[in-house]
Amino acid sequence: MIVQRVVLNSRPGKNGNPVAENFRMEEANLPDNIKEGQVKAKTLYLSVDPYMRCRMNEDTGSDYITPWQLSQVTEGGGIGIIEESKHGNFKKGDFVTSFMWPWQTKVILDGNGLEKVDPKLVDGHLSYFLGAIGMPGLTSLIGIQEKGHITSGSNQTMVVSGAAGACGSLAGQIGHLLGCSRVVGICGTQEKCLFLTSDLGFDAAINYKKGNVAEQLRELCPDGVDVYFDNVGGDISDTVISQMTQNSHIILCGQISQYNKDVPYPPPLPADIEAIRKERNITRERFLVLNYKDKFESGILQLSQWFKEGKLKIKETTTNGLENMGAAFQSMMTGGNTGKQIVCISEDTSL
């Protein structure tokens, strides 16, 4: 069977900005027969995420993420429907997800690497399993629970950078749900600011491309910042950290402003900001959601419940077509998305 797939065409270089042309479409042969333990599935939705930038380098700088190989199929979070199964846990018609889903129209996968998903948890919006009711949602929820130290009723202020992205848009809402009295988002356009405050219930939003961020933060967080959900790093984070309170907490989710630079992760803070961090006893510990797999099942159920109760609003930016994976990735890396960036490969769930 001939399938379409996306491969890594070129590397942007450790300090380069990724472009759509780093990827290319090609045809490939999929075996007609599957082996014991395998399934054949049709791809429905694929995810592009900031961490993938590291996979474009020859060395990811991480011991848990492997680099993509040139001219080999790229992979990431995916959702599909099983067309044929030789694995005891799955049958034809099941919806499944994996973090290692090849970017191609149909796939043969080892069933042991798959998770069955229940469409009822997302009211039929299967792509939500790649966002709010999936890894970004778990990252936001578990990150805040484990590293945010929120105490309901204690009048804490949370600031979220990259606040209109996949994790940030959820983190602010979850901060409120878990007991923060004030949540302020930082993002890059007036439209995104309006979205945060009018749709997602953020108390205020700052467009970092307009005006003085430090001054706006002082005005919007007069008692300082108690919890900082950091998606971006760099100058914005330095500004936020300088206004954090004694014994406050940074949730280190991502550092997208640093991903095109050859620096260690997490990048060290400038000396003056590190001095503030130490003096005020601000925690800034690396957070890796994969270390909390025992909390995934209960986390998914909690996120789904909030969604169904209307307490968690979900926003996606959807691009159609496998041929647009590279363009969707490039756009996501430069803030072109609001909410989770999804690529729809097929909406046809008939078999």
C-alpha atoms as a PDB file:
ATOM      1  CA  MET A   1       0.000   0.000   0.000  1.00  0.00           C
ATOM      2  CA  ILE A   2       1.283   3.464  -0.918  1.00  0.00           C
ATOM      3  CA  VAL A   3       1.061   6.076   1.848  1.00  0.00           C
ATOM      4  CA  GLN A   4       2.099   9.714   2.125  1.00  0.00           C
ATOM      5  CA  ARG A   5       4.612  10.646   4.790  1.00  0.00           C
ATOM      6  CA  VAL A   6       6.700  13.585   6.018  1.00  0.00           C
ATOM      7  CA  VAL A   7      10.460  13.238   6.547  1.00  0.00           C
ATOM      8  CA  LEU A   8      13.149  15.529   7.922  1.00  0.00           C
ATOM      9  CA  ASN A   9      14.607  17.183   4.826  1.00  0.00           C
ATOM     10  CA  SER A  10      17.287  19.319   6.499  1.00  0.00           C
ATOM     11  CA  ARG A  11      18.347  20.597   9.910  1.00  0.00           C
ATOM     12  CA  PRO A  12      17.998  24.313  10.728  1.00  0.00           C
ATOM     13  CA  GLY A  13      21.286  24.264  12.652  1.00  0.00           C
ATOM     14  CA  LYS A  14      21.548  24.557  16.420  1.00  0.00           C
ATOM     15  CA  ASN A  15      20.999  28.318  16.388  1.00  0.00           C
ATOM     16  CA  GLY A  16      18.754  28.555  13.327  1.00  0.00           C
ATOM     17  CA  ASN A  17      15.050  29.217  12.983  1.00  0.00           C
ATOM     18  CA  PRO A  18      13.144  26.195  11.643  1.00  0.00           C
ATOM     19  CA  VAL A  19      11.268  26.642   8.360  1.00  0.00           C
ATOM     20  CA  ALA A  20       8.670  24.561   6.538  1.00  0.00           C
ATOM     21  CA  GLU A  21      11.326  23.501   4.021  1.00  0.00           C
ATOM     22  CA  ASN A  22      13.137  21.542   6.758  1.00  0.00           C
ATOM     23  CA  PHE A  23      10.435  18.932   6.067  1.00  0.00           C
ATOM     24  CA  ARG A  24       9.347  17.248   2.845  1.00  0.00           C
ATOM     25  CA  MET A  25       6.503  15.009   1.696  1.00  0.00           C
ATOM     26  CA  GLU A  26       7.135  11.712  -0.036  1.00  0.00           C
ATOM     27  CA  GLU A  27       5.445   8.417  -0.813  1.00  0.00           C
ATOM     28  CA  ALA A  28       6.322   5.184   0.982  1.00  0.00           C
ATOM     29  CA  ASN A  29       5.258   1.555   0.880  1.00  0.00           C
ATOM     30  CA  LEU A  30       3.340   0.166   3.833  1.00  0.00           C
ATOM     31  CA  PRO A  31       3.445  -3.643   4.157  1.00  0.00           C
ATOM     32  CA  ASP A  32       0.150  -5.358   3.349  1.00  0.00           C
ATOM     33  CA  ASN A  33       0.394  -7.700   6.325  1.00  0.00           C
ATOM     34  CA  ILE A  34       0.850  -6.867   9.989  1.00  0.00           C
ATOM     35  CA  LYS A  35       2.646  -9.073  12.517  1.00  0.00           C
ATOM     36  CA  GLU A  36       1.488 -10.399  15.862  1.00  0.00           C
ATOM     37  CA  GLY A  37       1.294  -7.546  18.369  1.00  0.00           C
ATOM     38  CA  GLN A  38       0.895  -4.891  15.685  1.00  0.00           C
ATOM     39  CA  VAL A  39      -2.007  -2.753  14.495  1.00  0.00           C
ATOM     40  CA  LYS A  40      -2.678  -0.880  11.282  1.00  0.00           C
ATOM     41  CA  ALA A  41      -4.272   2.515  11.780  1.00  0.00           C
ATOM     42  CA  LYS A  42      -5.479   5.491   9.775  1.00  0.00           C
ATOM     43  CA  THR A  43      -4.069   8.798  11.013  1.00  0.00           C
ATOM     44  CA  LEU A  44      -6.685  11.384  11.977  1.00  0.00           C
ATOM     45  CA  TYR A  45      -4.802  14.148  13.832  1.00  0.00           C
ATOM     46  CA  LEU A  46      -1.139  15.003  14.457  1.00  0.00           C
ATOM     47  CA  SER A  47       0.450  17.395  16.913  1.00  0.00           C
ATOM     48  CA  VAL A  48       3.301  19.880  16.508  1.00  0.00           C
ATOM     49  CA  ASP A  49       4.920  21.027  19.755  1.00  0.00           C
ATOM     50  CA  PRO A  50       7.797  23.301  20.795  1.00  0.00           C
ATOM     51  CA  TYR A  51       9.909  20.431  22.193  1.00  0.00           C
ATOM     52  CA  MET A  52      10.212  19.076  18.631  1.00  0.00           C
ATOM     53  CA  ARG A  53      12.651  21.878  17.862  1.00  0.00           C
ATOM     54  CA  CYS A  54      15.245  19.936  19.890  1.00  0.00           C
ATOM     55  CA  ARG A  55      14.604  16.834  17.761  1.00  0.00           C
ATOM     56  CA  MET A  56      15.674  18.741  14.648  1.00  0.00           C
ATOM     57  CA  ASN A  57      19.265  18.917  15.944  1.00  0.00           C
ATOM     58  CA  GLU A  58      21.788  16.088  15.638  1.00  0.00           C
ATOM     59  CA  ASP A  59      21.986  16.149  19.428  1.00  0.00           C
ATOM     60  CA  THR A  60      18.797  17.016  21.321  1.00  0.00           C
ATOM     61  CA  GLY A  61      20.711  17.964  24.458  1.00  0.00           C
ATOM     62  CA  SER A  62      18.395  15.649  26.384  1.00  0.00           C
ATOM     63  CA  ASP A  63      18.603  12.046  27.504  1.00  0.00           C
ATOM     64  CA  TYR A  64      14.880  11.384  27.034  1.00  0.00           C
ATOM     65  CA  ILE A  65      14.325  12.865  23.543  1.00  0.00           C
ATOM     66  CA  THR A  66      15.971  11.273  20.500  1.00  0.00           C
ATOM     67  CA  PRO A  67      16.868  13.315  17.394  1.00  0.00           C
ATOM     68  CA  TRP A  68      14.961  12.911  14.155  1.00  0.00           C
ATOM     69  CA  GLN A  69      17.124  11.431  11.405  1.00  0.00           C
ATOM     70  CA  LEU A  70      17.533  13.048   7.993  1.00  0.00           C
ATOM     71  CA  SER A  71      15.307  11.513   5.289  1.00  0.00           C
ATOM     72  CA  GLN A  72      13.513   9.449   7.950  1.00  0.00           C
ATOM     73  CA  VAL A  73       9.853   9.857   8.863  1.00  0.00           C
ATOM     74  CA  THR A  74       9.239  12.375  11.655  1.00  0.00           C
ATOM     75  CA  GLU A  75       6.942  11.539  14.565  1.00  0.00           C
ATOM     76  CA  GLY A  76       5.145  12.989  17.558  1.00  0.00           C
ATOM     77  CA  GLY A  77       1.731  12.948  19.206  1.00  0.00           C
ATOM     78  CA  GLY A  78      -0.968  11.407  17.057  1.00  0.00           C
ATOM     79  CA  ILE A  79      -4.534  10.080  17.079  1.00  0.00           C
ATOM     80  CA  GLY A  80      -5.872   7.422  14.746  1.00  0.00           C
ATOM     81  CA  ILE A  81      -8.480   4.716  14.205  1.00  0.00           C
ATOM     82  CA  ILE A  82      -7.525   1.049  14.013  1.00  0.00           C
ATOM     83  CA  GLU A  83      -8.230  -0.648  10.693  1.00  0.00           C
ATOM     84  CA  GLU A  84      -6.691  -4.023  11.545  1.00  0.00           C
ATOM     85  CA  SER A  85      -5.347  -5.490  14.782  1.00  0.00           C
ATOM     86  CA  LYS A  86      -3.224  -8.433  15.860  1.00  0.00           C
ATOM     87  CA  HIS A  87      -2.913  -7.140  19.424  1.00  0.00           C
ATOM     88  CA  GLY A  88      -5.149  -8.434  22.212  1.00  0.00           C
ATOM     89  CA  ASN A  89      -5.924  -4.996  23.660  1.00  0.00           C
ATOM     90  CA  PHE A  90      -7.231  -3.432  20.453  1.00  0.00           C
ATOM     91  CA  LYS A  91      -9.851  -4.135  17.835  1.00  0.00           C
ATOM     92  CA  LYS A  92     -10.917  -2.632  14.526  1.00  0.00           C
ATOM     93  CA  GLY A  93     -12.644   0.728  15.099  1.00  0.00           C
ATOM     94  CA  ASP A  94     -10.817   1.590  18.331  1.00  0.00           C
ATOM     95  CA  PHE A  95      -9.426   5.115  18.636  1.00  0.00           C
ATOM     96  CA  VAL A  96      -5.814   5.166  19.828  1.00  0.00           C
ATOM     97  CA  THR A  97      -3.064   7.649  20.593  1.00  0.00           C
ATOM     98  CA  SER A  98       0.723   7.595  20.878  1.00  0.00           C
ATOM     99  CA  PHE A  99       3.545  10.075  21.559  1.00  0.00           C
ATOM    100  CA  MET A 100       5.534   8.396  18.758  1.00  0.00           C
ATOM    101  CA  TRP A 101       3.045   8.518  15.891  1.00  0.00           C
ATOM    102  CA  PRO A 102       4.744   8.699  12.462  1.00  0.00           C
ATOM    103  CA  TRP A 103       3.753  11.646  10.307  1.00  0.00           C
ATOM    104  CA  GLN A 104       2.081   9.592   7.605  1.00  0.00           C
ATOM    105  CA  THR A 105      -1.452   8.910   6.385  1.00  0.00           C
ATOM    106  CA  LYS A 106      -1.563   5.278   7.540  1.00  0.00           C
ATOM    107  CA  VAL A 107       0.741   3.509   9.978  1.00  0.00           C
ATOM    108  CA  ILE A 108       1.673   0.090  11.309  1.00  0.00           C
ATOM    109  CA  LEU A 109       2.482   0.329  15.018  1.00  0.00           C
ATOM    110  CA  ASP A 110       3.438  -1.903  17.911  1.00  0.00           C
ATOM    111  CA  GLY A 111       0.280  -2.114  20.010  1.00  0.00           C
ATOM    112  CA  ASN A 112       2.295  -1.968  23.248  1.00  0.00           C
ATOM    113  CA  GLY A 113       3.098   1.689  22.534  1.00  0.00           C
ATOM    114  CA  LEU A 114      -0.546   2.723  22.114  1.00  0.00           C
ATOM    115  CA  GLU A 115      -3.257   3.981  24.461  1.00  0.00           C
ATOM    116  CA  LYS A 116      -6.931   3.527  23.718  1.00  0.00           C
ATOM    117  CA  VAL A 117      -8.943   6.745  24.064  1.00  0.00           C
ATOM    118  CA  ASP A 118     -12.630   7.167  24.818  1.00  0.00           C
ATOM    119  CA  PRO A 119     -14.340   9.776  22.584  1.00  0.00           C
ATOM    120  CA  LYS A 120     -16.951  10.346  25.311  1.00  0.00           C
ATOM    121  CA  LEU A 121     -14.303  12.024  27.498  1.00  0.00           C
ATOM    122  CA  VAL A 122     -13.957  14.801  24.909  1.00  0.00           C
ATOM    123  CA  ASP A 123     -17.550  14.882  23.600  1.00  0.00           C
ATOM    124  CA  GLY A 124     -16.263  13.470  20.320  1.00  0.00           C
ATOM    125  CA  HIS A 125     -13.514  16.087  19.786  1.00  0.00           C
ATOM    126  CA  LEU A 126     -10.750  13.507  19.273  1.00  0.00           C
ATOM    127  CA  SER A 127      -8.060  16.119  18.653  1.00  0.00           C
ATOM    128  CA  TYR A 128      -8.470  17.291  22.280  1.00  0.00           C
ATOM    129  CA  PHE A 129      -6.526  14.168  23.281  1.00  0.00           C
ATOM    130  CA  LEU A 130      -3.469  15.892  21.741  1.00  0.00           C
ATOM    131  CA  GLY A 131      -4.088  19.071  23.717  1.00  0.00           C
ATOM    132  CA  ALA A 132      -6.221  19.915  26.724  1.00  0.00           C
ATOM    133  CA  ILE A 133      -7.199  16.290  27.497  1.00  0.00           C
ATOM    134  CA  GLY A 134      -3.711  15.036  26.625  1.00  0.00           C
ATOM    135  CA  MET A 135      -0.084  15.835  27.208  1.00  0.00           C
ATOM    136  CA  PRO A 136      -0.331  19.685  27.276  1.00  0.00           C
ATOM    137  CA  GLY A 137      -3.254  19.457  29.693  1.00  0.00           C
ATOM    138  CA  LEU A 138      -1.396  17.012  31.929  1.00  0.00           C
ATOM    139  CA  THR A 139       1.738  19.168  31.775  1.00  0.00           C
ATOM    140  CA  SER A 140      -0.222  22.216  32.916  1.00  0.00           C
ATOM    141  CA  LEU A 141      -2.230  20.426  35.604  1.00  0.00           C
ATOM    142  CA  ILE A 142       0.547  18.294  37.109  1.00  0.00           C
ATOM    143  CA  GLY A 143       3.096  21.101  36.771  1.00  0.00           C
ATOM    144  CA  ILE A 144       0.898  23.449  38.803  1.00  0.00           C
ATOM    145  CA  GLN A 145      -0.003  20.740  41.334  1.00  0.00           C
ATOM    146  CA  GLU A 146       3.594  19.602  41.851  1.00  0.00           C
ATOM    147  CA  LYS A 147       5.581  22.823  41.490  1.00  0.00           C
ATOM    148  CA  GLY A 148       3.105  25.684  41.996  1.00  0.00           C
ATOM    149  CA  HIS A 149       2.267  25.143  45.675  1.00  0.00           C
ATOM    150  CA  ILE A 150      -1.104  26.855  45.363  1.00  0.00           C
ATOM    151  CA  THR A 151      -3.179  27.103  48.533  1.00  0.00           C
ATOM    152  CA  SER A 152      -6.820  27.960  47.981  1.00  0.00           C
ATOM    153  CA  GLY A 153      -7.881  31.089  49.836  1.00  0.00           C
ATOM    154  CA  SER A 154      -4.352  32.444  50.322  1.00  0.00           C
ATOM    155  CA  ASN A 155      -4.744  35.245  47.763  1.00  0.00           C
ATOM    156  CA  GLN A 156      -1.972  34.106  45.395  1.00  0.00           C
ATOM    157  CA  THR A 157      -1.200  35.781  42.072  1.00  0.00           C
ATOM    158  CA  MET A 158      -0.110  33.662  39.098  1.00  0.00           C
ATOM    159  CA  VAL A 159       1.558  34.955  35.931  1.00  0.00           C
ATOM    160  CA  VAL A 160       1.638  32.822  32.775  1.00  0.00           C
ATOM    161  CA  SER A 161       3.984  33.560  29.856  1.00  0.00           C
ATOM    162  CA  GLY A 162       3.176  32.169  26.408  1.00  0.00           C
ATOM    163  CA  ALA A 163      -0.327  32.407  27.825  1.00  0.00           C
ATOM    164  CA  ALA A 164      -2.247  31.908  24.585  1.00  0.00           C
ATOM    165  CA  GLY A 165      -0.399  28.716  23.642  1.00  0.00           C
ATOM    166  CA  ALA A 166      -1.287  25.071  24.217  1.00  0.00           C
ATOM    167  CA  CYS A 167      -0.080  24.868  27.831  1.00  0.00           C
ATOM    168  CA  GLY A 168      -0.393  28.526  28.797  1.00  0.00           C
ATOM    169  CA  SER A 169      -4.054  28.845  27.835  1.00  0.00           C
ATOM    170  CA  LEU A 170      -4.834  25.880  30.100  1.00  0.00           C
ATOM    171  CA  ALA A 171      -2.428  26.800  32.916  1.00  0.00           C
ATOM    172  CA  GLY A 172      -4.136  30.112  33.649  1.00  0.00           C
ATOM    173  CA  GLN A 173      -7.549  28.479  33.857  1.00  0.00           C
ATOM    174  CA  ILE A 174      -6.221  25.644  36.024  1.00  0.00           C
ATOM    175  CA  GLY A 175      -4.520  28.186  38.296  1.00  0.00           C
ATOM    176  CA  HIS A 176      -7.930  29.730  38.982  1.00  0.00           C
ATOM    177  CA  LEU A 177      -9.576  26.316  39.433  1.00  0.00           C
ATOM    178  CA  LEU A 178      -6.962  25.267  41.988  1.00  0.00           C
ATOM    179  CA  GLY A 179      -7.306  28.448  44.030  1.00  0.00           C
ATOM    180  CA  CYS A 180      -5.289  31.375  42.660  1.00  0.00           C
ATOM    181  CA  SER A 181      -7.160  34.629  43.270  1.00  0.00           C
ATOM    182  CA  ARG A 182      -5.526  36.462  40.349  1.00  0.00           C
ATOM    183  CA  VAL A 183      -4.138  35.214  37.025  1.00  0.00           C
ATOM    184  CA  VAL A 184      -2.302  37.458  34.532  1.00  0.00           C
ATOM    185  CA  GLY A 185      -1.232  36.258  31.075  1.00  0.00           C
ATOM    186  CA  ILE A 186       1.587  37.503  28.833  1.00  0.00           C
ATOM    187  CA  CYS A 187       1.280  37.008  25.066  1.00  0.00           C
ATOM    188  CA  GLY A 188       2.161  38.688  21.771  1.00  0.00           C
ATOM    189  CA  THR A 189      -0.950  40.283  20.229  1.00  0.00           C
ATOM    190  CA  GLN A 190      -3.938  42.362  21.320  1.00  0.00           C
ATOM    191  CA  GLU A 191      -6.251  39.677  19.900  1.00  0.00           C
ATOM    192  CA  LYS A 192      -4.647  37.059  22.145  1.00  0.00           C
ATOM    193  CA  CYS A 193      -4.896  39.376  25.158  1.00  0.00           C
ATOM    194  CA  LEU A 194      -8.613  39.832  24.509  1.00  0.00           C
ATOM    195  CA  PHE A 195      -9.052  36.075  24.092  1.00  0.00           C
ATOM    196  CA  LEU A 196      -7.388  35.424  27.462  1.00  0.00           C
ATOM    197  CA  THR A 197      -9.533  37.889  29.371  1.00  0.00           C
ATOM    198  CA  SER A 198     -12.884  37.530  27.577  1.00  0.00           C
ATOM    199  CA  ASP A 199     -12.893  33.791  26.760  1.00  0.00           C
ATOM    200  CA  LEU A 200     -10.606  32.106  29.291  1.00  0.00           C
ATOM    201  CA  GLY A 201     -11.246  34.171  32.417  1.00  0.00           C
ATOM    202  CA  PHE A 202      -7.751  35.580  32.939  1.00  0.00           C
ATOM    203  CA  ASP A 203      -7.967  38.661  35.168  1.00  0.00           C
ATOM    204  CA  ALA A 204      -5.640  40.642  32.913  1.00  0.00           C
ATOM    205  CA  ALA A 205      -3.265  40.210  29.977  1.00  0.00           C
ATOM    206  CA  ILE A 206      -0.089  41.950  28.817  1.00  0.00           C
ATOM    207  CA  ASN A 207       1.004  42.261  25.183  1.00  0.00           C
ATOM    208  CA  TYR A 208       4.782  42.066  25.565  1.00  0.00           C
ATOM    209  CA  LYS A 209       5.238  43.772  22.181  1.00  0.00           C
ATOM    210  CA  LYS A 210       3.470  46.922  23.427  1.00  0.00           C
ATOM    211  CA  GLY A 211       4.548  49.120  26.303  1.00  0.00           C
ATOM    212  CA  ASN A 212       6.779  48.372  29.250  1.00  0.00           C
ATOM    213  CA  VAL A 213       6.199  44.848  30.585  1.00  0.00           C
ATOM    214  CA  ALA A 214       7.785  45.565  33.976  1.00  0.00           C
ATOM    215  CA  GLU A 215       5.566  48.612  34.541  1.00  0.00           C
ATOM    216  CA  GLN A 216       2.422  46.741  33.459  1.00  0.00           C
ATOM    217  CA  LEU A 217       3.288  43.840  35.742  1.00  0.00           C
ATOM    218  CA  ARG A 218       3.745  46.165  38.720  1.00  0.00           C
ATOM    219  CA  GLU A 219       0.353  47.720  38.006  1.00  0.00           C
ATOM    220  CA  LEU A 220      -1.474  44.401  37.470  1.00  0.00           C
ATOM    221  CA  CYS A 221       0.281  42.461  40.259  1.00  0.00           C
ATOM    222  CA  PRO A 222       0.650  45.118  43.001  1.00  0.00           C
ATOM    223  CA  ASP A 223       1.459  42.496  45.658  1.00  0.00           C
ATOM    224  CA  GLY A 224       4.028  40.732  43.466  1.00  0.00           C
ATOM    225  CA  VAL A 225       3.956  37.352  41.735  1.00  0.00           C
ATOM    226  CA  ASP A 226       3.574  34.182  43.822  1.00  0.00           C
ATOM    227  CA  VAL A 227       3.474  31.563  41.049  1.00  0.00           C
ATOM    228  CA  TYR A 228       5.018  31.905  37.581  1.00  0.00           C
ATOM    229  CA  PHE A 229       4.115  29.396  34.857  1.00  0.00           C
ATOM    230  CA  ASP A 230       7.066  29.875  32.502  1.00  0.00           C
ATOM    231  CA  ASN A 231       6.681  28.852  28.859  1.00  0.00           C
ATOM    232  CA  VAL A 232       9.162  31.238  27.261  1.00  0.00           C
ATOM    233  CA  GLY A 233      12.296  32.044  29.282  1.00  0.00           C
ATOM    234  CA  GLY A 234      14.516  34.917  28.179  1.00  0.00           C
ATOM    235  CA  ASP A 235      13.890  38.608  28.880  1.00  0.00           C
ATOM    236  CA  ILE A 236      10.196  38.192  29.721  1.00  0.00           C
ATOM    237  CA  SER A 237      10.969  35.624  32.396  1.00  0.00           C
ATOM    238  CA  ASP A 238      13.739  37.786  33.831  1.00  0.00           C
ATOM    239  CA  THR A 239      11.213  40.624  34.165  1.00  0.00           C
ATOM    240  CA  VAL A 240       8.655  38.412  35.909  1.00  0.00           C
ATOM    241  CA  ILE A 241      11.197  36.825  38.270  1.00  0.00           C
ATOM    242  CA  SER A 242      12.387  40.270  39.380  1.00  0.00           C
ATOM    243  CA  GLN A 243       8.834  40.917  40.672  1.00  0.00           C
ATOM    244  CA  MET A 244       8.295  37.593  42.435  1.00  0.00           C
ATOM    245  CA  THR A 245       7.650  37.398  46.164  1.00  0.00           C
ATOM    246  CA  GLN A 246       9.627  35.712  48.935  1.00  0.00           C
ATOM    247  CA  ASN A 247       9.358  31.875  48.828  1.00  0.00           C
ATOM    248  CA  SER A 248       7.502  31.973  45.495  1.00  0.00           C
ATOM    249  CA  HIS A 249       7.562  29.294  42.790  1.00  0.00           C
ATOM    250  CA  ILE A 250       8.455  29.052  39.089  1.00  0.00           C
ATOM    251  CA  ILE A 251       6.870  26.204  37.127  1.00  0.00           C
ATOM    252  CA  LEU A 252       9.420  25.541  34.406  1.00  0.00           C
ATOM    253  CA  CYS A 253       7.232  24.287  31.555  1.00  0.00           C
ATOM    254  CA  GLY A 254       9.158  25.513  28.502  1.00  0.00           C
ATOM    255  CA  GLN A 255      11.663  28.042  27.190  1.00  0.00           C
ATOM    256  CA  ILE A 256      10.512  28.601  23.614  1.00  0.00           C
ATOM    257  CA  SER A 257      12.490  31.861  23.253  1.00  0.00           C
ATOM    258  CA  GLN A 258      15.670  29.828  23.793  1.00  0.00           C
ATOM    259  CA  TYR A 259      14.992  26.760  21.628  1.00  0.00           C
ATOM    260  CA  ASN A 260      16.764  28.155  18.562  1.00  0.00           C
ATOM    261  CA  LYS A 261      19.907  28.843  20.613  1.00  0.00           C
ATOM    262  CA  ASP A 262      22.662  26.436  21.577  1.00  0.00           C
ATOM    263  CA  VAL A 263      22.215  26.706  25.352  1.00  0.00           C
ATOM    264  CA  PRO A 264      21.673  24.069  28.057  1.00  0.00           C
ATOM    265  CA  TYR A 265      18.168  23.340  29.305  1.00  0.00           C
ATOM    266  CA  PRO A 266      16.975  24.953  31.416  1.00  0.00           C
ATOM    267  CA  PRO A 267      19.075  27.962  30.409  1.00  0.00           C
ATOM    268  CA  PRO A 268      20.914  29.595  33.300  1.00  0.00           C
ATOM    269  CA  LEU A 269      19.520  32.897  34.512  1.00  0.00           C
ATOM    270  CA  PRO A 270      21.529  36.140  34.194  1.00  0.00           C
ATOM    271  CA  ALA A 271      23.638  36.750  37.297  1.00  0.00           C
ATOM    272  CA  ASP A 272      21.474  39.584  38.647  1.00  0.00           C
ATOM    273  CA  ILE A 273      18.250  37.579  38.224  1.00  0.00           C
ATOM    274  CA  GLU A 274      19.827  34.469  39.756  1.00  0.00           C
ATOM    275  CA  ALA A 275      20.846  36.616  42.734  1.00  0.00           C
ATOM    276  CA  ILE A 276      17.218  37.734  43.164  1.00  0.00           C
ATOM    277  CA  ARG A 277      16.034  34.132  42.866  1.00  0.00           C
ATOM    278  CA  LYS A 278      18.402  32.958  45.609  1.00  0.00           C
ATOM    279  CA  GLU A 279      17.800  35.941  47.876  1.00  0.00           C
ATOM    280  CA  ARG A 280      14.022  35.446  47.742  1.00  0.00           C
ATOM    281  CA  ASN A 281      14.227  31.639  47.897  1.00  0.00           C
ATOM    282  CA  ILE A 282      12.299  31.252  44.619  1.00  0.00           C
ATOM    283  CA  THR A 283      12.089  27.625  43.471  1.00  0.00           C
ATOM    284  CA  ARG A 284      12.971  26.959  39.810  1.00  0.00           C
ATOM    285  CA  GLU A 285      13.180  23.218  39.366  1.00  0.00           C
ATOM    286  CA  ARG A 286      13.167  21.375  36.072  1.00  0.00           C
ATOM    287  CA  PHE A 287       9.721  19.878  35.472  1.00  0.00           C
ATOM    288  CA  LEU A 288       9.310  16.766  33.307  1.00  0.00           C
ATOM    289  CA  VAL A 289       5.744  15.484  33.075  1.00  0.00           C
ATOM    290  CA  LEU A 290       6.910  11.990  32.058  1.00  0.00           C
ATOM    291  CA  ASN A 291       8.172  11.534  35.630  1.00  0.00           C
ATOM    292  CA  TYR A 292       4.545  11.586  36.832  1.00  0.00           C
ATOM    293  CA  LYS A 293       2.966   8.818  34.755  1.00  0.00           C
ATOM    294  CA  ASP A 294       1.190   7.498  37.853  1.00  0.00           C
ATOM    295  CA  LYS A 295      -0.894  10.697  37.833  1.00  0.00           C
ATOM    296  CA  PHE A 296      -1.861  10.604  34.135  1.00  0.00           C
ATOM    297  CA  GLU A 297      -5.107   8.627  34.438  1.00  0.00           C
ATOM    298  CA  SER A 298      -6.574  10.702  37.281  1.00  0.00           C
ATOM    299  CA  GLY A 299      -5.321  13.881  35.561  1.00  0.00           C
ATOM    300  CA  ILE A 300      -7.106  13.068  32.289  1.00  0.00           C
ATOM    301  CA  LEU A 301     -10.332  12.361  34.169  1.00  0.00           C
ATOM    302  CA  GLN A 302     -10.045  15.676  36.056  1.00  0.00           C
ATOM    303  CA  LEU A 303      -9.386  17.660  32.862  1.00  0.00           C
ATOM    304  CA  SER A 304     -12.286  15.924  31.102  1.00  0.00           C
ATOM    305  CA  GLN A 305     -14.620  16.660  34.018  1.00  0.00           C
ATOM    306  CA  TRP A 306     -13.690  20.366  34.038  1.00  0.00           C
ATOM    307  CA  PHE A 307     -14.205  20.503  30.261  1.00  0.00           C
ATOM    308  CA  LYS A 308     -17.641  18.877  30.476  1.00  0.00           C
ATOM    309  CA  GLU A 309     -18.651  21.202  33.309  1.00  0.00           C
ATOM    310  CA  GLY A 310     -17.683  24.199  31.174  1.00  0.00           C
ATOM    311  CA  LYS A 311     -14.915  25.203  33.607  1.00  0.00           C
ATOM    312  CA  LEU A 312     -12.067  24.517  31.163  1.00  0.00           C
ATOM    313  CA  LYS A 313     -12.361  26.276  27.798  1.00  0.00           C
ATOM    314  CA  ILE A 314     -10.445  24.635  24.956  1.00  0.00           C
ATOM    315  CA  LYS A 315      -9.046  26.457  21.928  1.00  0.00           C
ATOM    316  CA  GLU A 316      -7.332  24.917  18.911  1.00  0.00           C
ATOM    317  CA  THR A 317      -5.680  26.244  15.772  1.00  0.00           C
ATOM    318  CA  THR A 318      -6.203  23.612  13.082  1.00  0.00           C
ATOM    319  CA  THR A 319      -4.234  23.228   9.853  1.00  0.00           C
ATOM    320  CA  ASN A 320      -5.484  20.727   7.275  1.00  0.00           C
ATOM    321  CA  GLY A 321      -3.363  18.265   5.349  1.00  0.00           C
ATOM    322  CA  LEU A 322      -0.201  16.255   5.939  1.00  0.00           C
ATOM    323  CA  GLU A 323       1.572  18.430   3.356  1.00  0.00           C
ATOM    324  CA  ASN A 324       1.226  21.387   5.754  1.00  0.00           C
ATOM    325  CA  MET A 325       2.963  19.804   8.770  1.00  0.00           C
ATOM    326  CA  GLY A 326       6.123  21.863   8.243  1.00  0.00           C
ATOM    327  CA  ALA A 327       4.207  25.110   7.816  1.00  0.00           C
ATOM    328  CA  ALA A 328       2.161  24.377  10.966  1.00  0.00           C
ATOM    329  CA  PHE A 329       5.344  23.681  12.928  1.00  0.00           C
ATOM    330  CA  GLN A 330       7.011  26.897  11.710  1.00  0.00           C
ATOM    331  CA  SER A 331       3.886  28.926  12.563  1.00  0.00           C
ATOM    332  CA  MET A 332       3.618  27.393  16.051  1.00  0.00           C
ATOM    333  CA  MET A 333       7.268  28.216  16.788  1.00  0.00           C
ATOM    334  CA  THR A 334       6.623  31.881  15.987  1.00  0.00           C
ATOM    335  CA  GLY A 335       3.331  32.258  17.897  1.00  0.00           C
ATOM    336  CA  GLY A 336       0.984  31.824  14.960  1.00  0.00           C
ATOM    337  CA  ASN A 337      -1.367  29.620  16.975  1.00  0.00           C
ATOM    338  CA  THR A 338      -3.918  30.409  19.656  1.00  0.00           C
ATOM    339  CA  GLY A 339      -4.371  27.390  21.889  1.00  0.00           C
ATOM    340  CA  LYS A 340      -3.119  24.018  20.679  1.00  0.00           C
ATOM    341  CA  GLN A 341      -1.752  23.726  17.140  1.00  0.00           C
ATOM    342  CA  ILE A 342      -3.293  20.649  15.497  1.00  0.00           C
ATOM    343  CA  VAL A 343      -2.900  19.222  12.004  1.00  0.00           C
ATOM    344  CA  CYS A 344      -5.955  17.363  10.711  1.00  0.00           C
ATOM    345  CA  ILE A 345      -4.893  14.519   8.414  1.00  0.00           C
ATOM    346  CA  SER A 346      -8.349  12.946   7.977  1.00  0.00           C
ATOM    347  CA  GLU A 347     -11.755  13.436   9.595  1.00  0.00           C
ATOM    348  CA  ASP A 348     -13.089  10.287   7.945  1.00  0.00           C
ATOM    349  CA  THR A 349     -13.578   7.686  10.698  1.00  0.00           C
ATOM    350  CA  SER A 350     -15.374   5.178   8.437  1.00  0.00           C
ATOM    351  CA  LEU A 351     -13.605   1.868   7.884  1.00  0.00           C
END
